[in-house]
Protein backbone atom coordinates (compact mmCIF):
# COMPACT_ATOMS: atom_id res chain seq x y z
CA UNK A 1 -141.00 -97.36 262.03
CA UNK A 2 -142.39 -94.39 259.74
CA UNK A 3 -140.16 -94.95 256.95
CA UNK A 4 -140.56 -99.33 257.40
CA UNK A 5 -144.13 -98.64 257.32
CA UNK A 6 -144.05 -96.16 254.36
CA UNK A 7 -141.68 -98.62 252.38
CA UNK A 8 -144.24 -101.44 253.14
CA UNK A 9 -147.46 -99.41 252.10
CA UNK A 10 -145.66 -97.86 249.32
CA UNK A 11 -143.14 -99.92 247.58
CA UNK A 12 -141.81 -97.41 245.12
CA UNK A 13 -140.54 -95.59 248.31
CA UNK A 14 -137.11 -97.88 248.42
CA UNK A 15 -134.87 -96.58 245.61
CA UNK A 16 -137.62 -95.82 243.21
CA UNK A 17 -138.47 -99.56 242.66
CA UNK A 18 -141.51 -101.32 242.29
CA UNK A 19 -140.05 -104.41 244.46
CA UNK A 20 -140.83 -103.11 247.73
CA UNK A 21 -139.72 -105.32 250.66
CA UNK A 22 -139.16 -108.29 248.54
CA UNK A 23 -136.00 -106.34 246.99
CA UNK A 24 -133.54 -107.24 249.54
CA UNK A 25 -134.43 -111.03 249.16
CA UNK A 26 -133.39 -110.91 245.53
CA UNK A 27 -129.64 -112.59 246.08
CA UNK A 28 -131.60 -115.81 248.02
CA UNK A 29 -134.51 -116.14 245.45
CA UNK A 30 -131.78 -116.06 242.81
CA UNK A 31 -129.35 -118.81 244.63
CA UNK A 32 -132.32 -120.59 244.75
CA UNK A 33 -133.39 -120.68 241.68
CA UNK A 34 -129.75 -121.73 240.16
CA UNK A 35 -129.96 -124.39 242.92
CA UNK A 36 -132.87 -125.89 241.33
CA UNK A 37 -131.96 -125.66 237.71
CA UNK A 38 -128.27 -127.28 238.67
CA UNK A 39 -130.47 -130.40 240.16
CA UNK A 40 -132.84 -130.78 237.22
CA UNK A 41 -129.99 -130.38 235.14
CA UNK A 42 -128.24 -133.39 236.68
CA UNK A 43 -131.61 -135.56 236.56
CA UNK A 44 -131.97 -134.88 232.91
CA UNK A 45 -128.33 -135.98 232.22
CA UNK A 46 -128.66 -139.57 234.52
CA UNK A 47 -132.23 -139.96 232.66
CA UNK A 48 -130.26 -139.89 229.24
CA UNK A 49 -127.22 -141.81 229.80
CA UNK A 50 -129.43 -144.62 231.36
CA UNK A 51 -132.21 -144.80 228.46
CA UNK A 52 -128.85 -144.90 226.06
CA UNK A 53 -127.89 -148.21 227.90
CA UNK A 54 -131.18 -149.91 227.11
CA UNK A 55 -131.97 -150.71 223.45
CA UNK A 56 -135.22 -149.18 222.26
CA UNK A 57 -137.54 -151.47 220.42
CA UNK A 58 -137.00 -149.60 216.81
CA UNK A 59 -133.51 -149.82 216.62
CA UNK A 60 -133.56 -154.24 217.60
CA UNK A 61 -136.52 -154.36 214.48
CA UNK A 62 -133.93 -152.57 212.52
CA UNK A 63 -130.59 -154.97 213.62
CA UNK A 64 -133.23 -157.87 213.22
CA UNK A 65 -134.16 -156.46 209.32
CA UNK A 66 -130.38 -156.01 208.63
CA UNK A 67 -129.37 -158.63 205.86
CA UNK A 68 -126.68 -160.98 207.13
CA UNK A 69 -123.48 -161.68 204.74
CA UNK A 70 -123.45 -165.73 203.90
CA UNK A 71 -121.12 -167.61 205.70
CA UNK A 72 -118.84 -170.04 203.97
CA UNK A 73 -120.59 -173.25 204.88
CA UNK A 74 -124.23 -171.32 203.36
CA UNK A 75 -122.18 -170.28 200.48
CA UNK A 76 -120.87 -173.50 199.62
CA UNK A 77 -124.22 -175.30 199.51
CA UNK A 78 -124.94 -176.31 195.89
CA UNK A 79 -128.34 -174.77 194.37
CA UNK A 80 -130.80 -177.12 192.55
CA UNK A 81 -130.98 -176.15 188.93
CA UNK A 82 -134.05 -177.48 187.16
CA UNK A 83 -131.88 -178.35 184.06
CA UNK A 84 -129.45 -180.63 185.91
CA UNK A 85 -131.46 -182.70 188.46
CA UNK A 86 -129.19 -185.66 187.79
CA UNK A 87 -125.99 -186.81 186.33
CA UNK A 88 -127.74 -187.49 183.04
CA UNK A 89 -128.20 -183.79 182.53
CA UNK A 90 -124.92 -182.52 183.47
CA UNK A 91 -122.66 -184.79 180.70
CA UNK A 92 -119.30 -182.93 182.44
CA UNK A 93 -120.08 -184.75 185.71
CA UNK A 94 -120.06 -188.14 183.60
CA UNK A 95 -116.83 -189.60 182.33
CA UNK A 96 -116.55 -191.64 178.91
CA UNK A 97 -116.89 -190.59 175.07
CA UNK A 98 -120.67 -192.16 175.50
CA UNK A 99 -122.23 -189.84 177.44
CA UNK A 100 -120.86 -186.51 175.85
CA UNK A 101 -122.37 -188.52 172.27
CA UNK A 102 -125.57 -189.53 173.88
CA UNK A 103 -125.99 -185.76 175.26
CA UNK A 104 -125.31 -184.43 171.98
CA UNK A 105 -128.24 -186.47 170.72
CA UNK A 106 -130.76 -185.14 173.24
CA UNK A 107 -129.99 -181.51 173.21
CA UNK A 108 -129.11 -181.30 169.78
CA UNK A 109 -130.07 -184.05 167.21
CA UNK A 110 -133.35 -184.71 168.64
CA UNK A 111 -134.55 -181.98 170.60
CA UNK A 112 -137.83 -182.94 172.32
CA UNK A 113 -141.09 -180.97 172.10
CA UNK A 114 -141.03 -180.84 168.28
CA UNK A 115 -144.86 -181.55 167.70
CA UNK A 116 -146.16 -181.03 171.25
CA UNK A 117 -149.80 -181.89 171.70
CA UNK A 118 -149.81 -183.08 168.28
CA UNK A 119 -151.84 -186.43 166.64
CA UNK A 120 -148.71 -187.71 166.58
CA UNK A 121 -147.79 -187.29 170.13
CA UNK A 122 -151.15 -188.20 171.22
CA UNK A 123 -151.71 -191.73 169.14
CA UNK A 124 -147.97 -192.79 170.22
CA UNK A 125 -149.09 -192.04 173.91
CA UNK A 126 -152.18 -194.40 173.88
CA UNK A 127 -150.17 -196.80 171.77
CA UNK A 128 -147.80 -197.31 173.98
CA UNK A 129 -149.79 -197.43 177.35
CA UNK A 130 -149.86 -199.85 179.93
CA UNK A 131 -153.41 -199.86 179.30
CA UNK A 132 -153.32 -200.61 175.82
CA UNK A 133 -150.52 -202.99 175.89
CA UNK A 134 -152.01 -205.04 178.83
CA UNK A 135 -155.36 -205.22 177.20
CA UNK A 136 -154.28 -206.42 173.76
CA UNK A 137 -152.22 -208.79 175.66
CA UNK A 138 -155.02 -209.98 177.37
CA UNK A 139 -157.89 -210.00 174.14
CA UNK A 140 -154.49 -211.99 171.97
CA UNK A 141 -154.64 -214.70 175.39
CA UNK A 142 -158.40 -214.95 175.01
CA UNK A 143 -158.65 -215.65 171.51
CA UNK A 144 -156.11 -218.27 171.59
CA UNK A 145 -158.31 -219.94 174.14
CA UNK A 146 -161.41 -219.56 172.04
CA UNK A 147 -159.66 -221.22 168.85
CA UNK A 148 -157.36 -223.15 171.12
CA UNK A 149 -154.09 -221.93 170.09
CA UNK A 150 -151.95 -223.25 172.70
CA UNK A 151 -148.61 -221.68 171.08
CA UNK A 152 -150.93 -217.97 171.15
CA UNK A 153 -151.59 -218.43 174.68
CA UNK A 154 -148.03 -219.33 175.74
CA UNK A 155 -147.19 -216.45 173.58
CA UNK A 156 -149.34 -213.90 175.32
CA UNK A 157 -148.32 -215.42 178.80
CA UNK A 158 -144.50 -214.48 177.78
CA UNK A 159 -145.55 -211.07 177.03
CA UNK A 160 -147.24 -210.72 180.28
CA UNK A 161 -144.46 -212.16 182.60
CA UNK A 162 -142.12 -209.61 180.25
CA UNK A 163 -144.16 -206.29 181.44
CA UNK A 164 -143.67 -207.74 184.85
CA UNK A 165 -139.69 -207.48 184.33
CA UNK A 166 -139.69 -204.30 182.02
CA UNK A 167 -141.94 -202.69 184.45
CA UNK A 168 -140.00 -203.09 187.54
CA UNK A 169 -136.70 -202.58 186.04
CA UNK A 170 -138.27 -198.95 184.47
CA UNK A 171 -139.39 -198.00 187.79
CA UNK A 172 -136.59 -198.54 189.77
CA UNK A 173 -134.06 -196.41 187.01
CA UNK A 174 -136.66 -193.80 187.28
CA UNK A 175 -136.70 -193.44 190.93
CA UNK A 176 -132.66 -193.77 191.19
CA UNK A 177 -132.04 -191.28 188.42
CA UNK A 178 -134.56 -188.94 189.43
CA UNK A 179 -133.99 -187.19 185.49
CA UNK A 180 -136.48 -184.30 184.79
CA UNK A 181 -138.61 -184.51 181.75
CA UNK A 182 -138.09 -182.37 178.92
CA UNK A 183 -141.37 -180.93 179.43
CA UNK A 184 -140.91 -180.50 183.54
CA UNK A 185 -143.66 -182.14 184.78
CA UNK A 186 -141.97 -184.18 186.71
CA UNK A 187 -138.53 -186.26 187.74
CA UNK A 188 -139.49 -189.82 185.94
CA UNK A 189 -138.05 -189.09 182.64
CA UNK A 190 -135.40 -192.14 182.32
CA UNK A 191 -136.22 -194.49 180.89
CA UNK A 192 -139.35 -194.13 178.64
CA UNK A 193 -141.63 -196.83 179.67
CA UNK A 194 -143.87 -196.70 177.10
CA UNK A 195 -141.06 -197.33 174.47
CA UNK A 196 -139.96 -199.97 177.21
CA UNK A 197 -142.85 -202.38 177.05
CA UNK A 198 -143.54 -201.69 173.62
CA UNK A 199 -140.56 -203.11 172.43
CA UNK A 200 -141.09 -206.04 175.01
CA UNK A 201 -143.86 -207.06 172.58
CA UNK A 202 -142.48 -206.22 169.46
CA UNK A 203 -139.13 -208.67 170.77
CA UNK A 204 -141.71 -211.57 171.87
CA UNK A 205 -143.98 -211.14 168.83
CA UNK A 206 -141.19 -211.22 165.97
CA UNK A 207 -139.34 -213.99 168.12
CA UNK A 208 -142.93 -216.06 167.95
CA UNK A 209 -143.94 -215.06 164.48
CA UNK A 210 -141.10 -213.61 162.14
CA UNK A 211 -141.84 -211.88 159.18
CA UNK A 212 -144.45 -209.28 158.85
CA UNK A 213 -145.58 -209.43 162.18
CA UNK A 214 -141.87 -208.93 162.90
CA UNK A 215 -141.67 -205.62 160.96
CA UNK A 216 -145.38 -204.79 161.94
CA UNK A 217 -144.59 -204.87 165.89
CA UNK A 218 -141.14 -202.66 165.33
CA UNK A 219 -142.39 -200.36 163.49
CA UNK A 220 -145.20 -199.87 166.18
CA UNK A 221 -142.73 -199.59 168.59
CA UNK A 222 -140.73 -197.04 166.34
CA UNK A 223 -143.51 -195.03 166.37
CA UNK A 224 -144.12 -195.10 169.99
CA UNK A 225 -140.72 -194.26 171.30
CA UNK A 226 -140.63 -191.10 168.27
CA UNK A 227 -143.77 -189.56 169.72
CA UNK A 228 -142.48 -189.50 172.96
CA UNK A 229 -139.90 -187.15 172.31
CA UNK A 230 -141.84 -185.30 169.82
CA UNK A 231 -144.44 -184.64 172.77
CA UNK A 232 -142.01 -183.78 175.20
CA UNK A 233 -142.00 -186.10 177.20
CA UNK A 234 -138.92 -188.04 176.81
CA UNK A 235 -135.20 -186.96 175.79
CA UNK A 236 -133.57 -189.25 173.15
CA UNK A 237 -131.39 -191.40 175.49
CA UNK A 238 -135.06 -192.17 177.37
CA UNK A 239 -136.39 -193.48 174.55
CA UNK A 240 -133.33 -195.09 173.49
CA UNK A 241 -132.26 -196.55 177.29
CA UNK A 242 -136.49 -197.80 177.11
CA UNK A 243 -135.72 -199.86 173.86
CA UNK A 244 -132.70 -201.33 174.97
CA UNK A 245 -134.23 -202.47 178.18
CA UNK A 246 -137.44 -203.74 176.35
CA UNK A 247 -135.38 -206.03 173.72
CA UNK A 248 -133.54 -207.36 176.31
CA UNK A 249 -136.60 -208.42 178.45
CA UNK A 250 -137.91 -209.74 174.93
CA UNK A 251 -134.88 -212.24 174.35
CA UNK A 252 -135.12 -213.18 178.42
CA UNK A 253 -138.98 -214.44 178.18
CA UNK A 254 -138.61 -216.22 174.66
CA UNK A 255 -135.57 -218.25 175.81
CA UNK A 256 -137.59 -219.59 178.49
CA UNK A 257 -140.16 -220.59 175.90
CA UNK A 258 -137.11 -222.64 174.00
C-alpha cells in the first residue's frame, strides 16, 4: 500500500518515468488509437470513391465546351457563297457554250462598277426609272388628248400596256433567279428592269414613228443599260436580258395595233 500510494503521489517513482499510474495502460491506448485510425481511413476511402462516381459541375461544363467533330451529314451541307447565289453566277453548273460566253462578258469584258456614283450612272438611273417612264407616258397621252391626236393617245396606251407585261415578267424572273447584284445590295439583279422598260418604250416609239424618233429612243435605252453596268447595279447579261424582254413586249403590243 505504501508503494502504491508512493506511486500515485510520486509519478517519477515507477521506473524513473514521469507517466506514473498511466504507464501500464499504454498498450490499451495505442490499440484504441490504431482502431480509430483504421476506421477514419476506411471512411475517407469510401467517401472518395463515391465522389468519383458522380461527375462534378465543372467537368460537365468542360465536356459541353469541347468542340464536336462534324458528322458526314453536316459536312455534306453546302455553304452559301455570296459570289454564287444562283446558277447565273456559276457557269460550271450551266451547260452550253452560250452560258460560258455570257459569263465571260459579265466578268471580263464589261466589268460592273466602272463609274460608280458618277453623273453617268445617276442620269441613266433617273432616265430609266419607272417614275420617269410612266410619267412621260402620261404626259405624252395628255398632250395627245389636248391636241386631238388619237394616234398619240393610242401609242401612249400601247406603252402603258407594255409596261405592265414587262414589269410582271421582270419581277417574276428576279424572284426566280435570285441573282446577287454586283454591288451586293440585294438578290434582284437579273434581269434589269430599267433596261427592259426603256427598250419597251424605244420599240413602241420606233415602230409608230420611226426615223429620228427611233434613233433617239434606242440611244436613250442603250444609255440606260450602260449606266446600270457602270454603276455596279447589274451585270452585262442582266442588261442584255432586259433589252431582249423590252424589245419583245414592244413588238407584241405594237402588233396588236395593226
